[in-house]
């Protein structure tokens, strides 16, 4: 069973995510496009969804759809990360309903703890 789903199209960062997930005992599924993320999220009860807002294909749109579908019947945590300079994109993500929007550096620094949160 998948604990977390991540939209990230950077292959090097995908490898880092999978390595950290393995070390923390988290079953991780990655998606390279927004549509792949939405498909995976619809098929999985994963408690955590992470979106790299710098992914090239449909990241913000997928985040908007995930946050719109999140509610009492679907209480999954949605986290987005991006470059710290992209304040407008961060505001758009927050306006879509994503409460956890953070710079990529903070996300990377706290990655193990964030992934462990998928089991909580």
C-alpha atoms as a PDB file:
ATOM      1  CA  UNK A   1       0.000   0.000   0.000  1.00  0.00           C
ATOM      2  CA  UNK A   2       1.236   3.487  -0.893  1.00  0.00           C
ATOM      3  CA  UNK A   3       1.801   5.911   1.987  1.00  0.00           C
ATOM      4  CA  UNK A   4       2.711   8.971  -0.085  1.00  0.00           C
ATOM      5  CA  UNK A   5       2.437  10.131  -3.696  1.00  0.00           C
ATOM      6  CA  UNK A   6       4.793  12.758  -5.086  1.00  0.00           C
ATOM      7  CA  UNK A   7       4.619  14.778  -8.290  1.00  0.00           C
ATOM      8  CA  UNK A   8       8.203  15.503  -9.294  1.00  0.00           C
ATOM      9  CA  UNK A   9       9.712  15.383 -12.776  1.00  0.00           C
ATOM     10  CA  UNK A  10      13.345  15.877 -11.730  1.00  0.00           C
ATOM     11  CA  UNK A  11      14.894  12.396 -11.947  1.00  0.00           C
ATOM     12  CA  UNK A  12      17.706  13.188  -9.503  1.00  0.00           C
ATOM     13  CA  UNK A  13      15.238  14.489  -6.922  1.00  0.00           C
ATOM     14  CA  UNK A  14      13.019  11.432  -7.504  1.00  0.00           C
ATOM     15  CA  UNK A  15      15.992   9.258  -6.566  1.00  0.00           C
ATOM     16  CA  UNK A  16      16.546  11.289  -3.372  1.00  0.00           C
ATOM     17  CA  UNK A  17      12.855  10.956  -2.483  1.00  0.00           C
ATOM     18  CA  UNK A  18      12.871   7.192  -3.005  1.00  0.00           C
ATOM     19  CA  UNK A  19      16.069   6.783  -0.987  1.00  0.00           C
ATOM     20  CA  UNK A  20      14.670   8.811   1.923  1.00  0.00           C
ATOM     21  CA  UNK A  21      11.347   6.962   1.739  1.00  0.00           C
ATOM     22  CA  UNK A  22      13.160   3.631   1.910  1.00  0.00           C
ATOM     23  CA  UNK A  23      15.164   4.768   4.939  1.00  0.00           C
ATOM     24  CA  UNK A  24      12.005   5.940   6.718  1.00  0.00           C
ATOM     25  CA  UNK A  25       9.913   2.885   5.823  1.00  0.00           C
ATOM     26  CA  UNK A  26       7.460   4.809   3.641  1.00  0.00           C
ATOM     27  CA  UNK A  27       5.945   3.307   0.487  1.00  0.00           C
ATOM     28  CA  UNK A  28       6.316   6.099  -2.075  1.00  0.00           C
ATOM     29  CA  UNK A  29       4.840   6.436  -5.553  1.00  0.00           C
ATOM     30  CA  UNK A  30       6.073   9.133  -7.918  1.00  0.00           C
ATOM     31  CA  UNK A  31       4.292  10.806 -10.799  1.00  0.00           C
ATOM     32  CA  UNK A  32       5.931  12.918 -13.502  1.00  0.00           C
ATOM     33  CA  UNK A  33       2.844  14.860 -14.617  1.00  0.00           C
ATOM     34  CA  UNK A  34      -0.183  16.397 -12.994  1.00  0.00           C
ATOM     35  CA  UNK A  35      -2.454  13.904 -14.712  1.00  0.00           C
ATOM     36  CA  UNK A  36      -0.389  10.955 -13.459  1.00  0.00           C
ATOM     37  CA  UNK A  37      -0.622  12.401  -9.944  1.00  0.00           C
ATOM     38  CA  UNK A  38      -4.397  12.745 -10.129  1.00  0.00           C
ATOM     39  CA  UNK A  39      -4.735   9.189 -11.435  1.00  0.00           C
ATOM     40  CA  UNK A  40      -2.500   7.818  -8.665  1.00  0.00           C
ATOM     41  CA  UNK A  41      -4.315   9.834  -5.986  1.00  0.00           C
ATOM     42  CA  UNK A  42      -7.703   8.594  -7.178  1.00  0.00           C
ATOM     43  CA  UNK A  43      -6.506   4.981  -7.003  1.00  0.00           C
ATOM     44  CA  UNK A  44      -4.742   5.206  -3.640  1.00  0.00           C
ATOM     45  CA  UNK A  45      -5.753   6.035  -0.078  1.00  0.00           C
ATOM     46  CA  UNK A  46      -2.288   7.569   0.496  1.00  0.00           C
ATOM     47  CA  UNK A  47      -2.387   9.960   3.455  1.00  0.00           C
ATOM     48  CA  UNK A  48       0.180  12.331   1.936  1.00  0.00           C
ATOM     49  CA  UNK A  49       0.450  13.970  -1.480  1.00  0.00           C
ATOM     50  CA  UNK A  50       3.427  16.156  -2.337  1.00  0.00           C
ATOM     51  CA  UNK A  51       3.539  18.467  -5.353  1.00  0.00           C
ATOM     52  CA  UNK A  52       6.654  20.039  -6.834  1.00  0.00           C
ATOM     53  CA  UNK A  53       5.143  23.231  -8.237  1.00  0.00           C
ATOM     54  CA  UNK A  54       8.085  23.496 -10.618  1.00  0.00           C
ATOM     55  CA  UNK A  55       7.132  20.268 -12.385  1.00  0.00           C
ATOM     56  CA  UNK A  56       6.558  21.125 -16.009  1.00  0.00           C
ATOM     57  CA  UNK A  57       3.250  19.400 -16.777  1.00  0.00           C
ATOM     58  CA  UNK A  58       0.188  20.463 -14.837  1.00  0.00           C
ATOM     59  CA  UNK A  59       1.499  20.778 -11.283  1.00  0.00           C
ATOM     60  CA  UNK A  60      -0.608  23.755 -10.173  1.00  0.00           C
ATOM     61  CA  UNK A  61      -3.721  22.437 -11.890  1.00  0.00           C
ATOM     62  CA  UNK A  62      -3.310  19.041 -10.198  1.00  0.00           C
ATOM     63  CA  UNK A  63      -2.784  20.758  -6.843  1.00  0.00           C
ATOM     64  CA  UNK A  64      -5.966  22.775  -7.341  1.00  0.00           C
ATOM     65  CA  UNK A  65      -7.973  19.633  -8.116  1.00  0.00           C
ATOM     66  CA  UNK A  66      -6.507  17.733  -5.156  1.00  0.00           C
ATOM     67  CA  UNK A  67      -7.259  20.550  -2.725  1.00  0.00           C
ATOM     68  CA  UNK A  68     -10.788  20.947  -4.110  1.00  0.00           C
ATOM     69  CA  UNK A  69     -11.463  17.242  -3.497  1.00  0.00           C
ATOM     70  CA  UNK A  70      -9.892  17.256  -0.040  1.00  0.00           C
ATOM     71  CA  UNK A  71     -12.403  17.337   2.774  1.00  0.00           C
ATOM     72  CA  UNK A  72     -13.832  15.351   5.696  1.00  0.00           C
ATOM     73  CA  UNK A  73     -14.250  12.248   3.526  1.00  0.00           C
ATOM     74  CA  UNK A  74     -10.750  12.623   2.087  1.00  0.00           C
ATOM     75  CA  UNK A  75      -8.513  14.154   4.759  1.00  0.00           C
ATOM     76  CA  UNK A  76      -5.166  13.628   3.062  1.00  0.00           C
ATOM     77  CA  UNK A  77      -2.377  16.087   3.670  1.00  0.00           C
ATOM     78  CA  UNK A  78      -1.229  17.997   0.589  1.00  0.00           C
ATOM     79  CA  UNK A  79       2.187  19.676   0.608  1.00  0.00           C
ATOM     80  CA  UNK A  80       3.629  21.839  -2.159  1.00  0.00           C
ATOM     81  CA  UNK A  81       7.186  23.043  -2.566  1.00  0.00           C
ATOM     82  CA  UNK A  82       8.855  25.480  -4.945  1.00  0.00           C
ATOM     83  CA  UNK A  83      11.699  27.947  -5.296  1.00  0.00           C
ATOM     84  CA  UNK A  84      11.687  30.496  -2.470  1.00  0.00           C
ATOM     85  CA  UNK A  85      11.611  33.295  -5.081  1.00  0.00           C
ATOM     86  CA  UNK A  86       8.244  32.218  -6.512  1.00  0.00           C
ATOM     87  CA  UNK A  87       6.017  34.118  -4.108  1.00  0.00           C
ATOM     88  CA  UNK A  88       3.183  34.569  -6.610  1.00  0.00           C
ATOM     89  CA  UNK A  89       3.043  30.835  -7.318  1.00  0.00           C
ATOM     90  CA  UNK A  90       3.086  30.137  -3.565  1.00  0.00           C
ATOM     91  CA  UNK A  91       0.113  32.462  -3.102  1.00  0.00           C
ATOM     92  CA  UNK A  92      -1.775  30.733  -5.920  1.00  0.00           C
ATOM     93  CA  UNK A  93      -1.170  27.377  -4.219  1.00  0.00           C
ATOM     94  CA  UNK A  94      -2.419  28.730  -0.895  1.00  0.00           C
ATOM     95  CA  UNK A  95      -5.459  30.260  -2.607  1.00  0.00           C
ATOM     96  CA  UNK A  96      -6.207  26.807  -4.055  1.00  0.00           C
ATOM     97  CA  UNK A  97      -6.392  25.461  -0.502  1.00  0.00           C
ATOM     98  CA  UNK A  98      -2.899  24.061   0.041  1.00  0.00           C
ATOM     99  CA  UNK A  99      -1.937  24.952   3.596  1.00  0.00           C
ATOM    100  CA  UNK A 100       1.590  23.525   3.469  1.00  0.00           C
ATOM    101  CA  UNK A 101       3.555  25.482   0.856  1.00  0.00           C
ATOM    102  CA  UNK A 102       7.281  25.693   1.485  1.00  0.00           C
ATOM    103  CA  UNK A 103      10.547  26.531  -0.236  1.00  0.00           C
ATOM    104  CA  UNK A 104      12.338  23.559  -1.765  1.00  0.00           C
ATOM    105  CA  UNK A 105      15.253  24.044   0.663  1.00  0.00           C
ATOM    106  CA  UNK A 106      12.981  23.700   3.712  1.00  0.00           C
ATOM    107  CA  UNK A 107      11.192  20.742   2.130  1.00  0.00           C
ATOM    108  CA  UNK A 108      14.500  18.990   1.457  1.00  0.00           C
ATOM    109  CA  UNK A 109      15.821  19.736   4.936  1.00  0.00           C
ATOM    110  CA  UNK A 110      12.688  18.250   6.563  1.00  0.00           C
ATOM    111  CA  UNK A 111      12.053  15.488   4.011  1.00  0.00           C
ATOM    112  CA  UNK A 112      12.435  12.519   6.369  1.00  0.00           C
ATOM    113  CA  UNK A 113      10.085  14.038   8.964  1.00  0.00           C
ATOM    114  CA  UNK A 114       7.563  14.991   6.281  1.00  0.00           C
ATOM    115  CA  UNK A 115       7.540  11.456   4.901  1.00  0.00           C
ATOM    116  CA  UNK A 116       7.240   9.943   8.372  1.00  0.00           C
ATOM    117  CA  UNK A 117       4.103  12.083   8.754  1.00  0.00           C
ATOM    118  CA  UNK A 118       2.446   9.919   6.100  1.00  0.00           C
ATOM    119  CA  UNK A 119       2.233   7.129   8.713  1.00  0.00           C
ATOM    120  CA  UNK A 120       0.672   9.363  11.384  1.00  0.00           C
END
